[in-house]
């Protein structure tokens, strides 16, 4: 049975990064405002913020993951924590713009990757390339490349689904995990046939005005705003997720490390996380009031995240 909800204090709300991104991502408007929060920060400037760590390989760069070049960045020093971003996003647009790099790098060695099909990583157009075992394999291969035997794990949205796969089948590589906003239908099901292909079609539409679906349109708006987005690759990734690579509850039942699931109370993309929390032994649950799928951009997200990590 899951333990009681993990406590946190509700801090004063600030309307900066989160609110600007909300209008771009959820409403699909206001994209011209995104550069105000540094979303378009020059990649060289991002690299300049990386703190070198003791490793035999460069702290930032790319490596070969079973034939796919994966871009990664590391920041800070200390016990390693691996960050896996959400669909359409990348290291900069997810972890830097949320302020989580600034929050984590003073106390941890932060390792983040651009998932295949995203950011500066290779972008295959083959749907099979985005099977969960391949995307999870990129995380494990990066840890091997950097010489990291075990780490804490944070997965957001699509990254949360990838993280569930990692925890179910490679739990020995992780000390603890934070799952936030993983769409439950991609983990435990049931598959929603009415949603199959909706996101992929949105990515392949000739113009955003042709997209009627209120959930898919903001993702396409965000893809249009992020430099170097490959719409065909994103469509292939979406189709792969739609193919219901579900994780049986019995496999989640074998997870024997501390896990917290942090979701927004109004997250209609992820759905209710209760079933996932119940499937993972001892998992804790945090619900951020009045927050939606962009919960990692909510200033209240950092406190339960950091409090959980301090326990490990």
C-alpha atoms as a PDB file:
ATOM      1  CA  UNK A   1       0.000   0.000   0.000  1.00  0.00           C
ATOM      2  CA  UNK A   2       1.276   3.474  -0.702  1.00  0.00           C
ATOM      3  CA  UNK A   3       2.344   5.632   2.206  1.00  0.00           C
ATOM      4  CA  UNK A   4       0.541   8.911   2.969  1.00  0.00           C
ATOM      5  CA  UNK A   5       1.038  11.830   0.665  1.00  0.00           C
ATOM      6  CA  UNK A   6       4.478  13.340   0.973  1.00  0.00           C
ATOM      7  CA  UNK A   7       4.247  16.685   2.846  1.00  0.00           C
ATOM      8  CA  UNK A   8       5.276  20.018   1.418  1.00  0.00           C
ATOM      9  CA  UNK A   9       4.626  23.682   2.066  1.00  0.00           C
ATOM     10  CA  UNK A  10       2.782  25.746  -0.517  1.00  0.00           C
ATOM     11  CA  UNK A  11       5.030  28.622  -1.463  1.00  0.00           C
ATOM     12  CA  UNK A  12       3.952  31.914  -2.980  1.00  0.00           C
ATOM     13  CA  UNK A  13       3.265  31.659  -6.677  1.00  0.00           C
ATOM     14  CA  UNK A  14       5.415  33.539  -9.153  1.00  0.00           C
ATOM     15  CA  UNK A  15       4.359  34.230 -12.723  1.00  0.00           C
ATOM     16  CA  UNK A  16       7.475  33.996 -14.850  1.00  0.00           C
ATOM     17  CA  UNK A  17       8.786  30.898 -16.592  1.00  0.00           C
ATOM     18  CA  UNK A  18       5.813  28.734 -15.776  1.00  0.00           C
ATOM     19  CA  UNK A  19       3.136  31.176 -16.806  1.00  0.00           C
ATOM     20  CA  UNK A  20       4.822  32.145 -20.063  1.00  0.00           C
ATOM     21  CA  UNK A  21       5.343  28.506 -20.986  1.00  0.00           C
ATOM     22  CA  UNK A  22       1.764  27.714 -19.992  1.00  0.00           C
ATOM     23  CA  UNK A  23       0.422  30.087 -22.626  1.00  0.00           C
ATOM     24  CA  UNK A  24       2.776  28.648 -25.222  1.00  0.00           C
ATOM     25  CA  UNK A  25       2.310  25.015 -24.318  1.00  0.00           C
ATOM     26  CA  UNK A  26      -1.177  24.597 -22.921  1.00  0.00           C
ATOM     27  CA  UNK A  27      -3.038  27.318 -24.773  1.00  0.00           C
ATOM     28  CA  UNK A  28      -0.839  27.110 -27.851  1.00  0.00           C
ATOM     29  CA  UNK A  29      -0.432  30.889 -27.957  1.00  0.00           C
ATOM     30  CA  UNK A  30       2.062  33.508 -26.833  1.00  0.00           C
ATOM     31  CA  UNK A  31       5.026  31.764 -28.410  1.00  0.00           C
ATOM     32  CA  UNK A  32       6.748  35.050 -29.070  1.00  0.00           C
ATOM     33  CA  UNK A  33       7.116  35.476 -25.333  1.00  0.00           C
ATOM     34  CA  UNK A  34       9.125  32.295 -24.830  1.00  0.00           C
ATOM     35  CA  UNK A  35      12.548  33.867 -25.514  1.00  0.00           C
ATOM     36  CA  UNK A  36      11.910  36.094 -22.500  1.00  0.00           C
ATOM     37  CA  UNK A  37      12.538  33.122 -20.223  1.00  0.00           C
ATOM     38  CA  UNK A  38      15.754  32.086 -21.924  1.00  0.00           C
ATOM     39  CA  UNK A  39      14.273  29.170 -23.833  1.00  0.00           C
ATOM     40  CA  UNK A  40      16.293  30.127 -26.863  1.00  0.00           C
ATOM     41  CA  UNK A  41      19.541  30.352 -24.918  1.00  0.00           C
ATOM     42  CA  UNK A  42      22.574  29.710 -27.041  1.00  0.00           C
ATOM     43  CA  UNK A  43      23.847  26.153 -26.644  1.00  0.00           C
ATOM     44  CA  UNK A  44      27.389  27.381 -26.055  1.00  0.00           C
ATOM     45  CA  UNK A  45      26.119  29.470 -23.168  1.00  0.00           C
ATOM     46  CA  UNK A  46      24.418  26.391 -21.732  1.00  0.00           C
ATOM     47  CA  UNK A  47      27.637  24.424 -21.956  1.00  0.00           C
ATOM     48  CA  UNK A  48      29.493  27.208 -20.204  1.00  0.00           C
ATOM     49  CA  UNK A  49      27.354  26.600 -17.120  1.00  0.00           C
ATOM     50  CA  UNK A  50      28.446  22.966 -16.899  1.00  0.00           C
ATOM     51  CA  UNK A  51      30.809  22.200 -14.041  1.00  0.00           C
ATOM     52  CA  UNK A  52      33.566  19.717 -14.959  1.00  0.00           C
ATOM     53  CA  UNK A  53      33.462  16.508 -12.948  1.00  0.00           C
ATOM     54  CA  UNK A  54      35.910  13.693 -12.447  1.00  0.00           C
ATOM     55  CA  UNK A  55      35.255  11.475 -15.441  1.00  0.00           C
ATOM     56  CA  UNK A  56      37.244   9.859 -18.212  1.00  0.00           C
ATOM     57  CA  UNK A  57      34.941  11.311 -20.851  1.00  0.00           C
ATOM     58  CA  UNK A  58      33.869  14.892 -21.588  1.00  0.00           C
ATOM     59  CA  UNK A  59      31.291  16.253 -19.115  1.00  0.00           C
ATOM     60  CA  UNK A  60      29.110  17.258 -22.055  1.00  0.00           C
ATOM     61  CA  UNK A  61      28.904  16.067 -25.640  1.00  0.00           C
ATOM     62  CA  UNK A  62      27.489  13.050 -27.444  1.00  0.00           C
ATOM     63  CA  UNK A  63      28.057   9.315 -27.586  1.00  0.00           C
ATOM     64  CA  UNK A  64      26.958   6.327 -29.641  1.00  0.00           C
ATOM     65  CA  UNK A  65      24.008   4.451 -28.155  1.00  0.00           C
ATOM     66  CA  UNK A  66      23.549   1.362 -30.282  1.00  0.00           C
ATOM     67  CA  UNK A  67      23.933   3.351 -33.496  1.00  0.00           C
ATOM     68  CA  UNK A  68      22.093   6.503 -32.378  1.00  0.00           C
ATOM     69  CA  UNK A  69      24.053   9.596 -31.336  1.00  0.00           C
ATOM     70  CA  UNK A  70      22.771  10.860 -27.998  1.00  0.00           C
ATOM     71  CA  UNK A  71      23.570  14.345 -26.712  1.00  0.00           C
ATOM     72  CA  UNK A  72      24.085  14.812 -22.989  1.00  0.00           C
ATOM     73  CA  UNK A  73      25.090  17.472 -20.467  1.00  0.00           C
ATOM     74  CA  UNK A  74      26.405  17.186 -16.918  1.00  0.00           C
ATOM     75  CA  UNK A  75      26.310  19.835 -14.218  1.00  0.00           C
ATOM     76  CA  UNK A  76      27.633  20.111 -10.678  1.00  0.00           C
ATOM     77  CA  UNK A  77      29.239  17.508  -8.450  1.00  0.00           C
ATOM     78  CA  UNK A  78      28.076  14.931  -5.955  1.00  0.00           C
ATOM     79  CA  UNK A  79      25.913  11.826  -6.092  1.00  0.00           C
ATOM     80  CA  UNK A  80      24.614  11.473  -9.669  1.00  0.00           C
ATOM     81  CA  UNK A  81      21.018  12.149 -10.606  1.00  0.00           C
ATOM     82  CA  UNK A  82      19.754  11.402 -14.122  1.00  0.00           C
ATOM     83  CA  UNK A  83      17.039  13.583 -15.687  1.00  0.00           C
ATOM     84  CA  UNK A  84      14.807  12.317 -18.519  1.00  0.00           C
ATOM     85  CA  UNK A  85      12.691  15.035 -20.157  1.00  0.00           C
ATOM     86  CA  UNK A  86       9.214  15.068 -21.673  1.00  0.00           C
ATOM     87  CA  UNK A  87       7.938  14.731 -25.218  1.00  0.00           C
ATOM     88  CA  UNK A  88       8.998  17.516 -27.659  1.00  0.00           C
ATOM     89  CA  UNK A  89      11.276  19.069 -25.001  1.00  0.00           C
ATOM     90  CA  UNK A  90      15.034  18.769 -24.467  1.00  0.00           C
ATOM     91  CA  UNK A  91      17.616  19.536 -21.774  1.00  0.00           C
ATOM     92  CA  UNK A  92      17.385  23.300 -22.108  1.00  0.00           C
ATOM     93  CA  UNK A  93      13.635  23.619 -22.594  1.00  0.00           C
ATOM     94  CA  UNK A  94      12.738  21.220 -19.789  1.00  0.00           C
ATOM     95  CA  UNK A  95      15.386  21.270 -17.086  1.00  0.00           C
ATOM     96  CA  UNK A  96      17.023  24.662 -17.494  1.00  0.00           C
ATOM     97  CA  UNK A  97      13.866  26.661 -18.133  1.00  0.00           C
ATOM     98  CA  UNK A  98      12.107  25.027 -15.181  1.00  0.00           C
ATOM     99  CA  UNK A  99      14.919  26.138 -12.874  1.00  0.00           C
ATOM    100  CA  UNK A 100      15.623  22.544 -11.840  1.00  0.00           C
ATOM    101  CA  UNK A 101      19.213  22.621 -13.071  1.00  0.00           C
ATOM    102  CA  UNK A 102      19.840  25.605 -10.827  1.00  0.00           C
ATOM    103  CA  UNK A 103      18.158  23.816  -7.914  1.00  0.00           C
ATOM    104  CA  UNK A 104      19.958  20.482  -8.312  1.00  0.00           C
ATOM    105  CA  UNK A 105      23.466  21.320  -9.548  1.00  0.00           C
ATOM    106  CA  UNK A 106      24.686  22.831  -6.235  1.00  0.00           C
ATOM    107  CA  UNK A 107      24.052  19.521  -4.450  1.00  0.00           C
ATOM    108  CA  UNK A 108      24.254  16.815  -7.127  1.00  0.00           C
ATOM    109  CA  UNK A 109      26.071  15.724 -10.223  1.00  0.00           C
ATOM    110  CA  UNK A 110      23.222  16.258 -12.668  1.00  0.00           C
ATOM    111  CA  UNK A 111      23.233  14.120 -15.813  1.00  0.00           C
ATOM    112  CA  UNK A 112      20.701  15.000 -18.508  1.00  0.00           C
ATOM    113  CA  UNK A 113      20.229  13.699 -22.037  1.00  0.00           C
ATOM    114  CA  UNK A 114      18.330  14.782 -25.107  1.00  0.00           C
ATOM    115  CA  UNK A 115      16.162  11.734 -25.749  1.00  0.00           C
ATOM    116  CA  UNK A 116      16.450  10.310 -29.258  1.00  0.00           C
ATOM    117  CA  UNK A 117      14.301  12.330 -31.644  1.00  0.00           C
ATOM    118  CA  UNK A 118      14.780  15.454 -29.530  1.00  0.00           C
ATOM    119  CA  UNK A 119      17.243  18.290 -29.027  1.00  0.00           C
ATOM    120  CA  UNK A 120      20.734  17.660 -30.373  1.00  0.00           C
ATOM    121  CA  UNK A 121      20.409  13.864 -30.436  1.00  0.00           C
ATOM    122  CA  UNK A 122      19.861  11.844 -33.610  1.00  0.00           C
ATOM    123  CA  UNK A 123      16.295  11.843 -34.890  1.00  0.00           C
ATOM    124  CA  UNK A 124      15.351   8.533 -36.551  1.00  0.00           C
ATOM    125  CA  UNK A 125      12.130   8.463 -38.573  1.00  0.00           C
ATOM    126  CA  UNK A 126      11.515   4.764 -37.881  1.00  0.00           C
ATOM    127  CA  UNK A 127       8.780   4.185 -35.309  1.00  0.00           C
ATOM    128  CA  UNK A 128      10.506   1.069 -33.973  1.00  0.00           C
ATOM    129  CA  UNK A 129      13.528   3.176 -33.014  1.00  0.00           C
ATOM    130  CA  UNK A 130      11.409   4.703 -30.231  1.00  0.00           C
ATOM    131  CA  UNK A 131      10.443   1.479 -28.509  1.00  0.00           C
ATOM    132  CA  UNK A 132      10.633   1.972 -24.745  1.00  0.00           C
ATOM    133  CA  UNK A 133      13.465  -0.515 -24.431  1.00  0.00           C
ATOM    134  CA  UNK A 134      15.511   1.575 -26.878  1.00  0.00           C
ATOM    135  CA  UNK A 135      14.804   4.892 -25.167  1.00  0.00           C
ATOM    136  CA  UNK A 136      15.471   3.361 -21.767  1.00  0.00           C
ATOM    137  CA  UNK A 137      18.603   1.793 -23.227  1.00  0.00           C
ATOM    138  CA  UNK A 138      19.913   5.260 -24.089  1.00  0.00           C
ATOM    139  CA  UNK A 139      19.752   6.183 -20.404  1.00  0.00           C
ATOM    140  CA  UNK A 140      21.587   3.038 -19.332  1.00  0.00           C
ATOM    141  CA  UNK A 141      24.166   3.433 -22.090  1.00  0.00           C
ATOM    142  CA  UNK A 142      24.801   7.023 -21.003  1.00  0.00           C
ATOM    143  CA  UNK A 143      25.337   5.895 -17.419  1.00  0.00           C
ATOM    144  CA  UNK A 144      27.767   3.249 -18.637  1.00  0.00           C
ATOM    145  CA  UNK A 145      29.537   5.797 -20.846  1.00  0.00           C
ATOM    146  CA  UNK A 146      30.024   8.120 -17.883  1.00  0.00           C
ATOM    147  CA  UNK A 147      31.021   5.304 -15.551  1.00  0.00           C
ATOM    148  CA  UNK A 148      27.940   5.683 -13.332  1.00  0.00           C
ATOM    149  CA  UNK A 149      26.964   2.412 -11.679  1.00  0.00           C
ATOM    150  CA  UNK A 150      23.942   3.744  -9.797  1.00  0.00           C
ATOM    151  CA  UNK A 151      22.072   7.059  -9.671  1.00  0.00           C
ATOM    152  CA  UNK A 152      18.870   8.741  -8.589  1.00  0.00           C
ATOM    153  CA  UNK A 153      16.358   9.193 -11.408  1.00  0.00           C
ATOM    154  CA  UNK A 154      13.868  11.911 -12.361  1.00  0.00           C
ATOM    155  CA  UNK A 155      11.494  11.381 -15.285  1.00  0.00           C
ATOM    156  CA  UNK A 156       8.944  13.896 -16.519  1.00  0.00           C
ATOM    157  CA  UNK A 157       5.948  13.030 -18.738  1.00  0.00           C
ATOM    158  CA  UNK A 158       7.371  10.845 -21.551  1.00  0.00           C
ATOM    159  CA  UNK A 159      10.506  10.674 -19.420  1.00  0.00           C
ATOM    160  CA  UNK A 160       8.336   9.348 -16.605  1.00  0.00           C
ATOM    161  CA  UNK A 161       7.142   6.518 -18.849  1.00  0.00           C
ATOM    162  CA  UNK A 162      10.747   5.734 -19.796  1.00  0.00           C
ATOM    163  CA  UNK A 163      11.652   5.839 -16.106  1.00  0.00           C
ATOM    164  CA  UNK A 164       8.893   3.366 -15.246  1.00  0.00           C
ATOM    165  CA  UNK A 165      10.445   0.957 -17.750  1.00  0.00           C
ATOM    166  CA  UNK A 166      13.883   1.501 -16.210  1.00  0.00           C
ATOM    167  CA  UNK A 167      12.583   0.885 -12.706  1.00  0.00           C
ATOM    168  CA  UNK A 168      10.652  -2.231 -13.702  1.00  0.00           C
ATOM    169  CA  UNK A 169      13.521  -3.921 -15.528  1.00  0.00           C
ATOM    170  CA  UNK A 170      16.716  -2.248 -14.307  1.00  0.00           C
ATOM    171  CA  UNK A 171      15.914  -1.173 -10.778  1.00  0.00           C
ATOM    172  CA  UNK A 172      19.395  -2.228  -9.607  1.00  0.00           C
ATOM    173  CA  UNK A 173      20.863   0.765 -11.461  1.00  0.00           C
ATOM    174  CA  UNK A 174      18.970   3.308  -9.392  1.00  0.00           C
ATOM    175  CA  UNK A 175      18.916   4.359  -5.749  1.00  0.00           C
ATOM    176  CA  UNK A 176      15.614   6.274  -5.849  1.00  0.00           C
ATOM    177  CA  UNK A 177      13.243   7.758  -8.398  1.00  0.00           C
ATOM    178  CA  UNK A 178      10.948  10.725  -8.904  1.00  0.00           C
ATOM    179  CA  UNK A 179       8.164  10.216 -11.449  1.00  0.00           C
ATOM    180  CA  UNK A 180       6.206  13.263 -12.498  1.00  0.00           C
ATOM    181  CA  UNK A 181       3.369  13.445 -15.001  1.00  0.00           C
ATOM    182  CA  UNK A 182       3.815  10.041 -16.695  1.00  0.00           C
ATOM    183  CA  UNK A 183       0.684   9.404 -18.805  1.00  0.00           C
ATOM    184  CA  UNK A 184      -0.785   6.391 -17.031  1.00  0.00           C
ATOM    185  CA  UNK A 185      -2.258   4.886 -20.227  1.00  0.00           C
ATOM    186  CA  UNK A 186       1.275   4.422 -21.597  1.00  0.00           C
ATOM    187  CA  UNK A 187       2.363   2.537 -18.470  1.00  0.00           C
ATOM    188  CA  UNK A 188      -0.572   0.496 -17.182  1.00  0.00           C
ATOM    189  CA  UNK A 189      -3.187   1.131 -19.860  1.00  0.00           C
ATOM    190  CA  UNK A 190      -5.806   0.558 -20.915  1.00  0.00           C
ATOM    191  CA  UNK A 191      -4.953   1.756 -24.421  1.00  0.00           C
ATOM    192  CA  UNK A 192      -7.140   4.600 -25.646  1.00  0.00           C
ATOM    193  CA  UNK A 193      -7.808   3.743 -29.267  1.00  0.00           C
ATOM    194  CA  UNK A 194      -9.541   7.063 -29.786  1.00  0.00           C
ATOM    195  CA  UNK A 195      -6.198   8.787 -29.093  1.00  0.00           C
ATOM    196  CA  UNK A 196      -4.061   6.548 -31.301  1.00  0.00           C
ATOM    197  CA  UNK A 197      -2.295   8.593 -33.956  1.00  0.00           C
ATOM    198  CA  UNK A 198      -3.677  11.942 -32.765  1.00  0.00           C
ATOM    199  CA  UNK A 199      -0.309  13.331 -31.653  1.00  0.00           C
ATOM    200  CA  UNK A 200       1.517  11.948 -34.668  1.00  0.00           C
ATOM    201  CA  UNK A 201      -1.017  13.502 -37.021  1.00  0.00           C
ATOM    202  CA  UNK A 202      -0.645  16.817 -35.208  1.00  0.00           C
ATOM    203  CA  UNK A 203       3.111  16.726 -35.796  1.00  0.00           C
ATOM    204  CA  UNK A 204       2.621  15.985 -39.495  1.00  0.00           C
ATOM    205  CA  UNK A 205      -0.116  18.558 -40.154  1.00  0.00           C
ATOM    206  CA  UNK A 206       0.827  21.139 -42.763  1.00  0.00           C
ATOM    207  CA  UNK A 207      -0.274  23.947 -40.479  1.00  0.00           C
ATOM    208  CA  UNK A 208      -1.119  24.179 -36.794  1.00  0.00           C
ATOM    209  CA  UNK A 209      -4.505  25.671 -37.658  1.00  0.00           C
ATOM    210  CA  UNK A 210      -5.494  22.263 -39.077  1.00  0.00           C
ATOM    211  CA  UNK A 211      -5.162  20.615 -35.639  1.00  0.00           C
ATOM    212  CA  UNK A 212      -8.489  20.446 -33.865  1.00  0.00           C
ATOM    213  CA  UNK A 213      -7.437  18.344 -30.879  1.00  0.00           C
ATOM    214  CA  UNK A 214      -7.001  20.655 -27.847  1.00  0.00           C
ATOM    215  CA  UNK A 215      -4.278  18.492 -26.304  1.00  0.00           C
ATOM    216  CA  UNK A 216      -2.213  17.863 -29.425  1.00  0.00           C
ATOM    217  CA  UNK A 217      -2.233  21.435 -30.732  1.00  0.00           C
ATOM    218  CA  UNK A 218      -0.113  22.888 -27.894  1.00  0.00           C
ATOM    219  CA  UNK A 219       2.505  20.158 -28.351  1.00  0.00           C
ATOM    220  CA  UNK A 220       2.765  21.067 -32.031  1.00  0.00           C
ATOM    221  CA  UNK A 221       2.983  24.760 -31.098  1.00  0.00           C
ATOM    222  CA  UNK A 222       5.861  23.958 -28.773  1.00  0.00           C
ATOM    223  CA  UNK A 223       7.579  21.835 -31.419  1.00  0.00           C
ATOM    224  CA  UNK A 224       7.308  24.768 -33.834  1.00  0.00           C
ATOM    225  CA  UNK A 225       8.918  27.046 -31.262  1.00  0.00           C
ATOM    226  CA  UNK A 226      11.868  24.797 -30.362  1.00  0.00           C
ATOM    227  CA  UNK A 227      14.805  25.107 -32.790  1.00  0.00           C
ATOM    228  CA  UNK A 228      15.757  21.986 -34.742  1.00  0.00           C
ATOM    229  CA  UNK A 229      12.546  20.090 -34.002  1.00  0.00           C
ATOM    230  CA  UNK A 230      12.107  17.238 -36.478  1.00  0.00           C
ATOM    231  CA  UNK A 231       8.364  16.769 -36.892  1.00  0.00           C
ATOM    232  CA  UNK A 232       8.684  13.415 -38.622  1.00  0.00           C
ATOM    233  CA  UNK A 233      10.837  12.085 -35.801  1.00  0.00           C
ATOM    234  CA  UNK A 234       8.398  13.405 -33.202  1.00  0.00           C
ATOM    235  CA  UNK A 235       5.538  11.750 -35.079  1.00  0.00           C
ATOM    236  CA  UNK A 236       7.401   8.444 -35.085  1.00  0.00           C
ATOM    237  CA  UNK A 237       8.025   8.787 -31.344  1.00  0.00           C
ATOM    238  CA  UNK A 238       4.342   9.510 -30.699  1.00  0.00           C
ATOM    239  CA  UNK A 239       3.276   6.487 -32.764  1.00  0.00           C
ATOM    240  CA  UNK A 240       5.610   4.275 -30.775  1.00  0.00           C
ATOM    241  CA  UNK A 241       4.081   5.453 -27.491  1.00  0.00           C
ATOM    242  CA  UNK A 242       0.627   4.798 -28.925  1.00  0.00           C
ATOM    243  CA  UNK A 243       1.571   1.166 -29.566  1.00  0.00           C
ATOM    244  CA  UNK A 244       0.903   0.413 -25.907  1.00  0.00           C
ATOM    245  CA  UNK A 245       4.227  -0.895 -24.622  1.00  0.00           C
ATOM    246  CA  UNK A 246       2.578  -1.500 -21.276  1.00  0.00           C
ATOM    247  CA  UNK A 247       4.328  -2.604 -18.090  1.00  0.00           C
ATOM    248  CA  UNK A 248       2.504  -5.378 -16.201  1.00  0.00           C
ATOM    249  CA  UNK A 249       1.757  -4.484 -12.565  1.00  0.00           C
ATOM    250  CA  UNK A 250       3.700  -7.591 -11.523  1.00  0.00           C
ATOM    251  CA  UNK A 251       6.850  -6.057 -13.005  1.00  0.00           C
ATOM    252  CA  UNK A 252       6.298  -2.784 -11.177  1.00  0.00           C
ATOM    253  CA  UNK A 253       5.759  -4.787  -7.976  1.00  0.00           C
ATOM    254  CA  UNK A 254       9.434  -5.776  -8.068  1.00  0.00           C
ATOM    255  CA  UNK A 255      10.638  -2.181  -7.611  1.00  0.00           C
ATOM    256  CA  UNK A 256      12.415  -2.106  -4.261  1.00  0.00           C
ATOM    257  CA  UNK A 257      13.750   1.447  -4.072  1.00  0.00           C
ATOM    258  CA  UNK A 258      12.122   4.653  -2.769  1.00  0.00           C
ATOM    259  CA  UNK A 259       9.806   6.239  -5.356  1.00  0.00           C
ATOM    260  CA  UNK A 260       7.740   9.405  -5.216  1.00  0.00           C
ATOM    261  CA  UNK A 261       5.133  10.355  -7.816  1.00  0.00           C
ATOM    262  CA  UNK A 262       4.632  14.124  -8.066  1.00  0.00           C
ATOM    263  CA  UNK A 263       1.699  15.240 -10.211  1.00  0.00           C
ATOM    264  CA  UNK A 264      -0.393  18.309 -10.766  1.00  0.00           C
ATOM    265  CA  UNK A 265      -3.894  18.041  -9.346  1.00  0.00           C
ATOM    266  CA  UNK A 266      -5.363  19.159 -12.684  1.00  0.00           C
ATOM    267  CA  UNK A 267      -3.107  17.117 -14.977  1.00  0.00           C
ATOM    268  CA  UNK A 268      -5.485  15.813 -17.634  1.00  0.00           C
ATOM    269  CA  UNK A 269      -2.588  14.610 -19.792  1.00  0.00           C
ATOM    270  CA  UNK A 270      -1.152  12.178 -17.240  1.00  0.00           C
ATOM    271  CA  UNK A 271      -4.407  11.278 -15.526  1.00  0.00           C
ATOM    272  CA  UNK A 272      -4.820  10.134 -11.936  1.00  0.00           C
ATOM    273  CA  UNK A 273      -1.545   8.624 -10.671  1.00  0.00           C
ATOM    274  CA  UNK A 274      -3.214   6.598  -7.917  1.00  0.00           C
ATOM    275  CA  UNK A 275      -3.068   3.317  -9.818  1.00  0.00           C
ATOM    276  CA  UNK A 276       0.642   3.758 -10.532  1.00  0.00           C
ATOM    277  CA  UNK A 277       1.391   4.669  -6.913  1.00  0.00           C
ATOM    278  CA  UNK A 278      -0.491   1.578  -5.736  1.00  0.00           C
ATOM    279  CA  UNK A 279       1.442  -0.649  -8.170  1.00  0.00           C
ATOM    280  CA  UNK A 280       4.882   0.381  -6.837  1.00  0.00           C
ATOM    281  CA  UNK A 281       5.573  -0.936  -3.323  1.00  0.00           C
ATOM    282  CA  UNK A 282       5.928   1.877  -0.799  1.00  0.00           C
ATOM    283  CA  UNK A 283       5.591   4.631  -3.400  1.00  0.00           C
ATOM    284  CA  UNK A 284       4.670   8.070  -2.100  1.00  0.00           C
ATOM    285  CA  UNK A 285       2.336  10.495  -3.808  1.00  0.00           C
ATOM    286  CA  UNK A 286       2.396  14.282  -3.972  1.00  0.00           C
ATOM    287  CA  UNK A 287      -0.407  16.206  -5.625  1.00  0.00           C
ATOM    288  CA  UNK A 288       0.324  19.888  -6.272  1.00  0.00           C
ATOM    289  CA  UNK A 289      -2.959  21.810  -5.947  1.00  0.00           C
ATOM    290  CA  UNK A 290      -4.188  23.714  -8.994  1.00  0.00           C
ATOM    291  CA  UNK A 291      -1.192  22.526 -11.052  1.00  0.00           C
ATOM    292  CA  UNK A 292      -1.481  20.876 -14.471  1.00  0.00           C
ATOM    293  CA  UNK A 293       0.819  18.826 -16.683  1.00  0.00           C
ATOM    294  CA  UNK A 294       3.457  21.561 -16.545  1.00  0.00           C
ATOM    295  CA  UNK A 295       4.032  20.789 -12.879  1.00  0.00           C
ATOM    296  CA  UNK A 296       7.844  20.805 -13.227  1.00  0.00           C
ATOM    297  CA  UNK A 297       7.578  24.508 -14.080  1.00  0.00           C
ATOM    298  CA  UNK A 298       5.551  25.196 -10.951  1.00  0.00           C
ATOM    299  CA  UNK A 299       7.732  26.828  -8.240  1.00  0.00           C
ATOM    300  CA  UNK A 300       6.129  24.530  -5.668  1.00  0.00           C
ATOM    301  CA  UNK A 301       7.556  21.440  -7.406  1.00  0.00           C
ATOM    302  CA  UNK A 302      11.113  21.964  -6.164  1.00  0.00           C
ATOM    303  CA  UNK A 303      10.352  21.543  -2.473  1.00  0.00           C
ATOM    304  CA  UNK A 304       8.923  17.993  -2.508  1.00  0.00           C
ATOM    305  CA  UNK A 305      11.592  17.026  -5.056  1.00  0.00           C
ATOM    306  CA  UNK A 306      14.491  18.294  -2.959  1.00  0.00           C
ATOM    307  CA  UNK A 307      12.994  17.037   0.301  1.00  0.00           C
ATOM    308  CA  UNK A 308      12.655  13.544  -1.134  1.00  0.00           C
ATOM    309  CA  UNK A 309      16.214  13.559  -2.489  1.00  0.00           C
ATOM    310  CA  UNK A 310      17.624  14.769   0.827  1.00  0.00           C
ATOM    311  CA  UNK A 311      16.311  11.572   2.437  1.00  0.00           C
ATOM    312  CA  UNK A 312      18.245   9.311   0.101  1.00  0.00           C
END
